[in-house]
Protein backbone atom coordinates (compact mmCIF):
# COMPACT_ATOMS: atom_id res chain seq x y z
CA MET A 1 84.74 69.26 -22.80
CA THR A 2 82.84 72.51 -22.47
CA ALA A 3 82.70 75.32 -24.98
CA GLY A 4 85.82 76.73 -23.34
CA LEU A 5 89.07 75.23 -22.20
CA GLY A 6 89.71 71.89 -20.58
CA THR A 7 92.43 70.69 -18.29
CA ALA A 8 94.13 67.40 -19.00
CA ARG A 9 92.37 64.67 -17.08
CA GLY A 10 91.09 61.14 -17.53
CA LEU A 11 88.38 60.56 -20.10
CA ARG A 12 85.05 59.39 -18.84
CA GLY A 13 84.36 55.97 -20.29
CA PRO A 14 81.10 54.22 -21.07
CA ARG A 15 78.94 53.05 -18.22
CA HIS A 16 78.94 49.30 -17.63
CA ALA A 17 77.87 47.00 -14.86
CA GLY A 18 80.39 46.87 -12.04
CA HIS A 19 83.27 44.41 -11.94
CA THR A 20 84.98 42.92 -8.91
CA MET A 21 88.47 41.57 -8.30
CA ALA A 22 90.62 40.54 -5.41
CA VAL A 23 92.34 43.36 -3.52
CA ASP A 24 95.80 41.82 -4.04
CA HIS A 25 95.27 42.05 -7.82
CA LEU A 26 94.68 45.81 -7.87
CA GLY A 27 98.36 46.55 -8.33
CA SER A 28 98.30 44.89 -11.75
CA LEU A 29 95.76 47.39 -13.14
CA ALA A 30 96.94 50.04 -15.58
CA LEU A 31 94.38 52.59 -16.78
CA PRO A 32 95.12 54.79 -19.79
CA VAL A 33 94.41 58.47 -19.13
CA GLY A 34 94.49 61.47 -21.38
CA ASP A 35 92.31 64.04 -23.11
CA ASP A 36 91.61 65.19 -26.62
CA GLY A 37 92.42 68.65 -27.86
CA VAL A 38 95.20 71.04 -28.71
CA VAL A 39 97.47 72.11 -25.85
CA LEU A 40 97.35 75.89 -25.58
CA GLY A 41 99.87 75.99 -22.76
CA ASP A 42 99.90 75.94 -18.96
CA ASP A 43 97.88 77.99 -16.49
CA ALA A 44 99.31 79.75 -13.43
CA GLU A 45 99.30 76.48 -11.49
CA GLY A 46 101.18 74.67 -14.25
CA ARG A 47 98.16 72.67 -15.42
CA PRO A 48 97.91 72.04 -19.18
CA GLN A 49 95.03 73.89 -20.84
CA LEU A 50 93.50 72.38 -23.96
CA VAL A 51 90.95 73.40 -26.55
CA GLY A 52 88.97 70.83 -28.50
CA PHE A 53 88.87 71.94 -32.12
CA HIS A 54 87.29 68.68 -33.30
CA ARG A 55 83.58 69.06 -32.58
CA SER A 56 80.28 67.89 -33.99
CA THR A 57 79.02 71.48 -33.88
CA PRO A 58 80.43 74.65 -35.49
CA TYR A 59 83.18 76.25 -33.41
CA ASP A 60 84.70 79.71 -33.94
CA VAL A 61 87.83 80.97 -32.20
CA LEU A 62 89.27 84.48 -32.27
CA LEU A 63 92.90 85.18 -31.36
CA ILE A 64 93.91 88.81 -30.95
CA GLY A 65 97.63 88.29 -30.89
CA GLY A 66 100.76 87.40 -32.78
CA LEU A 67 101.50 85.20 -35.75
CA TRP A 68 103.83 83.04 -33.61
CA SER A 69 101.00 81.86 -31.36
CA ALA A 70 98.71 81.12 -34.31
CA GLN A 71 101.44 79.06 -35.95
CA VAL A 72 102.11 77.05 -32.78
CA LEU A 73 98.39 76.22 -32.60
CA ALA A 74 98.40 75.28 -36.30
CA LEU A 75 101.27 72.83 -35.73
CA ARG A 76 99.62 71.34 -32.68
CA ALA A 77 96.26 71.02 -34.44
CA ALA A 78 97.97 69.16 -37.29
CA GLY A 79 99.60 66.95 -34.68
CA THR A 80 96.16 65.85 -33.46
CA GLY A 81 95.30 64.58 -36.95
CA ALA A 82 93.43 67.60 -38.27
CA ARG A 83 93.85 68.97 -41.76
CA VAL A 84 94.81 72.63 -41.36
CA ALA A 85 93.84 75.11 -44.08
CA VAL A 86 95.52 78.51 -43.74
CA GLU A 87 93.80 81.41 -45.50
CA THR A 88 96.42 84.15 -45.67
CA GLY A 89 97.57 87.22 -47.52
CA ARG A 90 101.18 86.55 -46.50
CA PRO A 91 101.92 83.01 -47.66
CA GLN A 92 105.67 83.57 -47.30
CA ALA A 93 105.19 83.65 -43.53
CA TRP A 94 103.56 80.21 -43.56
CA THR A 95 105.49 78.36 -46.28
CA MET A 96 108.19 76.88 -44.06
CA LEU A 97 105.63 75.68 -41.53
CA ALA A 98 103.48 74.07 -44.22
CA GLN A 99 106.50 72.26 -45.63
CA ALA A 100 107.70 71.08 -42.23
CA ALA A 101 104.36 69.91 -40.85
CA GLY A 102 103.26 66.34 -41.37
CA ALA A 103 106.68 64.93 -42.30
CA GLY A 104 105.99 65.34 -45.99
CA LEU A 105 102.23 64.81 -45.83
CA GLU A 106 100.06 67.69 -47.01
CA CYS A 107 98.34 68.29 -43.67
CA VAL A 108 98.81 72.09 -43.74
CA THR A 109 97.72 73.81 -46.95
CA LEU A 110 97.93 77.50 -47.86
CA HIS A 111 95.21 79.41 -49.69
CA GLU A 112 94.74 82.97 -50.90
CA VAL A 113 92.22 85.12 -49.08
CA GLY A 114 88.74 84.11 -50.19
CA ARG A 115 90.03 81.01 -52.01
CA VAL A 116 89.67 78.24 -49.43
CA PRO A 117 87.86 75.38 -51.19
CA PRO A 118 85.27 73.15 -49.51
CA MET A 119 87.30 70.92 -47.22
CA GLY A 120 84.90 68.00 -46.77
CA ALA A 121 85.37 67.75 -43.03
CA THR A 122 84.19 64.56 -41.34
CA VAL A 123 84.52 62.98 -37.94
CA GLY A 124 87.37 60.89 -39.32
CA SER A 125 89.02 63.81 -41.11
CA PRO A 126 88.45 67.01 -39.10
CA VAL A 127 89.56 70.41 -40.37
CA VAL A 128 90.84 73.58 -38.72
CA VAL A 129 90.71 76.70 -40.89
CA ILE A 130 93.06 79.48 -39.77
CA ARG A 131 92.22 82.90 -41.17
CA ASP A 132 95.26 85.18 -41.24
CA CYS A 133 93.71 87.95 -43.29
CA GLY A 134 94.89 91.16 -41.66
CA MET A 135 93.00 93.77 -39.67
CA ARG A 136 89.78 93.54 -41.70
CA PRO A 137 89.27 89.92 -42.70
CA PRO A 138 86.44 89.58 -45.17
CA ARG A 139 83.59 87.25 -44.36
CA GLY A 140 84.91 83.81 -45.21
CA ARG A 141 83.53 81.60 -47.93
CA VAL A 142 84.36 78.62 -45.73
CA VAL A 143 82.71 78.88 -42.33
CA SER A 144 82.69 76.74 -39.22
CA ALA A 145 80.66 73.55 -39.51
CA PRO A 146 80.51 70.12 -37.87
CA TRP A 147 84.11 68.85 -37.57
CA GLN A 148 85.41 72.10 -39.10
CA SER A 149 86.52 74.82 -36.69
CA VAL A 150 87.62 78.30 -37.76
CA MET A 151 90.23 80.38 -35.93
CA THR A 152 90.62 84.02 -36.98
CA LEU A 153 93.83 85.88 -36.18
CA LEU A 154 93.71 89.64 -35.62
CA PRO A 155 97.03 91.39 -34.87
CA TYR A 156 95.19 94.16 -33.03
CA LEU A 157 91.65 95.41 -32.52
CA SER A 158 89.97 96.72 -35.64
CA PRO A 159 86.43 97.79 -36.60
CA VAL A 160 85.50 94.12 -37.17
CA ALA A 161 86.86 92.95 -33.81
CA PRO A 162 83.68 93.57 -31.76
CA ARG A 163 81.59 91.43 -34.12
CA LEU A 164 84.17 88.66 -34.17
CA MET A 165 84.45 88.69 -30.38
CA ARG A 166 80.70 88.41 -29.96
CA ASP A 167 80.41 85.61 -32.52
CA ALA A 168 83.34 83.52 -31.27
CA ARG A 169 82.85 80.80 -28.68
CA LEU A 170 86.48 81.19 -27.55
CA VAL A 171 88.49 84.44 -27.57
CA GLY A 172 92.20 84.73 -26.86
CA VAL A 173 93.74 88.14 -26.11
CA GLN A 174 97.46 88.82 -25.94
CA ARG A 175 99.23 92.09 -25.12
CA ILE A 176 97.26 95.09 -26.40
CA SER A 177 97.27 98.83 -25.71
CA PRO A 178 95.40 100.32 -22.72
CA GLN A 179 92.81 101.80 -25.09
CA GLU A 180 92.25 98.42 -26.74
CA ALA A 181 92.05 96.81 -23.31
CA GLU A 182 89.23 99.18 -22.36
CA GLN A 183 87.22 98.24 -25.45
CA THR A 184 87.94 94.54 -25.05
CA SER A 185 86.93 94.66 -21.39
CA ARG A 186 83.54 96.16 -22.23
CA ILE A 187 82.79 93.53 -24.86
CA LEU A 188 84.00 90.50 -22.91
CA GLY A 189 82.97 91.69 -19.46
CA LEU A 190 86.47 91.52 -17.99
CA SER A 191 87.30 92.46 -14.42
CA ARG A 192 89.36 95.55 -13.66
CA ALA A 193 92.38 93.39 -12.83
CA GLU A 194 92.10 91.52 -16.13
CA ARG A 195 91.73 94.76 -18.08
CA GLU A 196 94.73 96.34 -16.41
CA ALA A 197 96.88 93.27 -16.97
CA LEU A 198 96.36 93.07 -20.75
CA PRO A 199 98.80 95.88 -21.72
CA THR A 200 101.53 94.31 -19.56
CA LEU A 201 101.44 90.69 -20.73
CA ALA A 202 104.68 88.93 -21.56
CA ASP A 203 105.24 87.31 -24.94
CA GLY A 204 103.50 83.94 -25.08
CA VAL A 205 100.84 84.80 -22.48
CA THR A 206 97.18 84.81 -23.54
CA LEU A 207 93.94 85.47 -21.68
CA TRP A 208 91.48 82.90 -23.04
CA CYS A 209 87.79 83.68 -22.54
CA ALA A 210 84.79 81.42 -23.12
CA GLY A 211 81.59 82.86 -21.74
CA GLN A 212 82.32 83.53 -18.07
CA GLU A 213 85.42 81.32 -18.06
CA ARG A 214 88.80 83.05 -17.86
CA HIS A 215 92.19 81.36 -18.13
CA TRP A 216 95.64 82.95 -18.22
CA VAL A 217 97.80 80.62 -20.29
CA MET A 218 101.52 80.62 -21.01
CA THR A 219 102.46 78.91 -24.28
CA SER A 220 105.92 77.40 -24.05
CA PRO A 221 107.24 75.96 -27.32
CA THR A 222 108.77 72.53 -27.63
CA ASP A 223 112.32 72.25 -28.95
CA ALA A 224 110.95 71.36 -32.39
CA GLU A 225 108.61 74.36 -32.39
CA THR A 226 111.42 76.68 -31.34
CA GLY A 227 113.64 75.33 -34.09
CA LEU A 228 110.96 76.05 -36.69
CA LEU A 229 109.28 79.19 -35.34
CA GLY A 230 111.76 80.70 -32.92
CA VAL A 231 110.96 81.90 -29.40
CA ALA A 232 107.59 83.31 -28.33
CA ARG A 233 106.91 86.84 -29.56
CA ARG A 234 103.92 89.15 -29.73
CA MET A 235 105.16 91.28 -32.63
CA ASP A 236 105.66 89.74 -36.10
């Protein structure tokens, strides 16, 4: 998987010497297919778009959008086996999710801003840190590292947004004002059509950018996610 998004497809296996079999036996073959990563949603053609949070190199993600989308990604990251640490100044908004995730296991933990402890991430126990620290998140004590990705949530653009956009390997942008779209377009190098679309996006739609890659993605919740978080919304 590249630094950006991936579409669900078969995994490339190890290279071995070729094998042969009779043609009339081919029908008995069954090959497992799949991909690793968190499902962000579907693109315009209905293809699932995934992001691989579990990496051997540091990985930073910025989401300029709503709490709902960040919480869906937190649930889905926990579903892939990651430990999710939420650094937040509004723990009441995350408490129900933390209690519901993991079927009683402590896979989503809540921490005060600046109080995330060392998580001890490993290949067998990856970590996703979600920073929900308002418009001006302080520089985190816990940063991205091998097997520990960090996703920062900004509700709107702020003075720290340009730095975070330049530092992140993946940036998601939901509905923002025309003025914010102008600034975002300059930093990310968006096309005119992309810039003009940002103020008109529906709830649940995100423009994900990784380098020169651009993907419009609609996040549709599962029944379980809707029951816990409600329907998609941009405003909290």
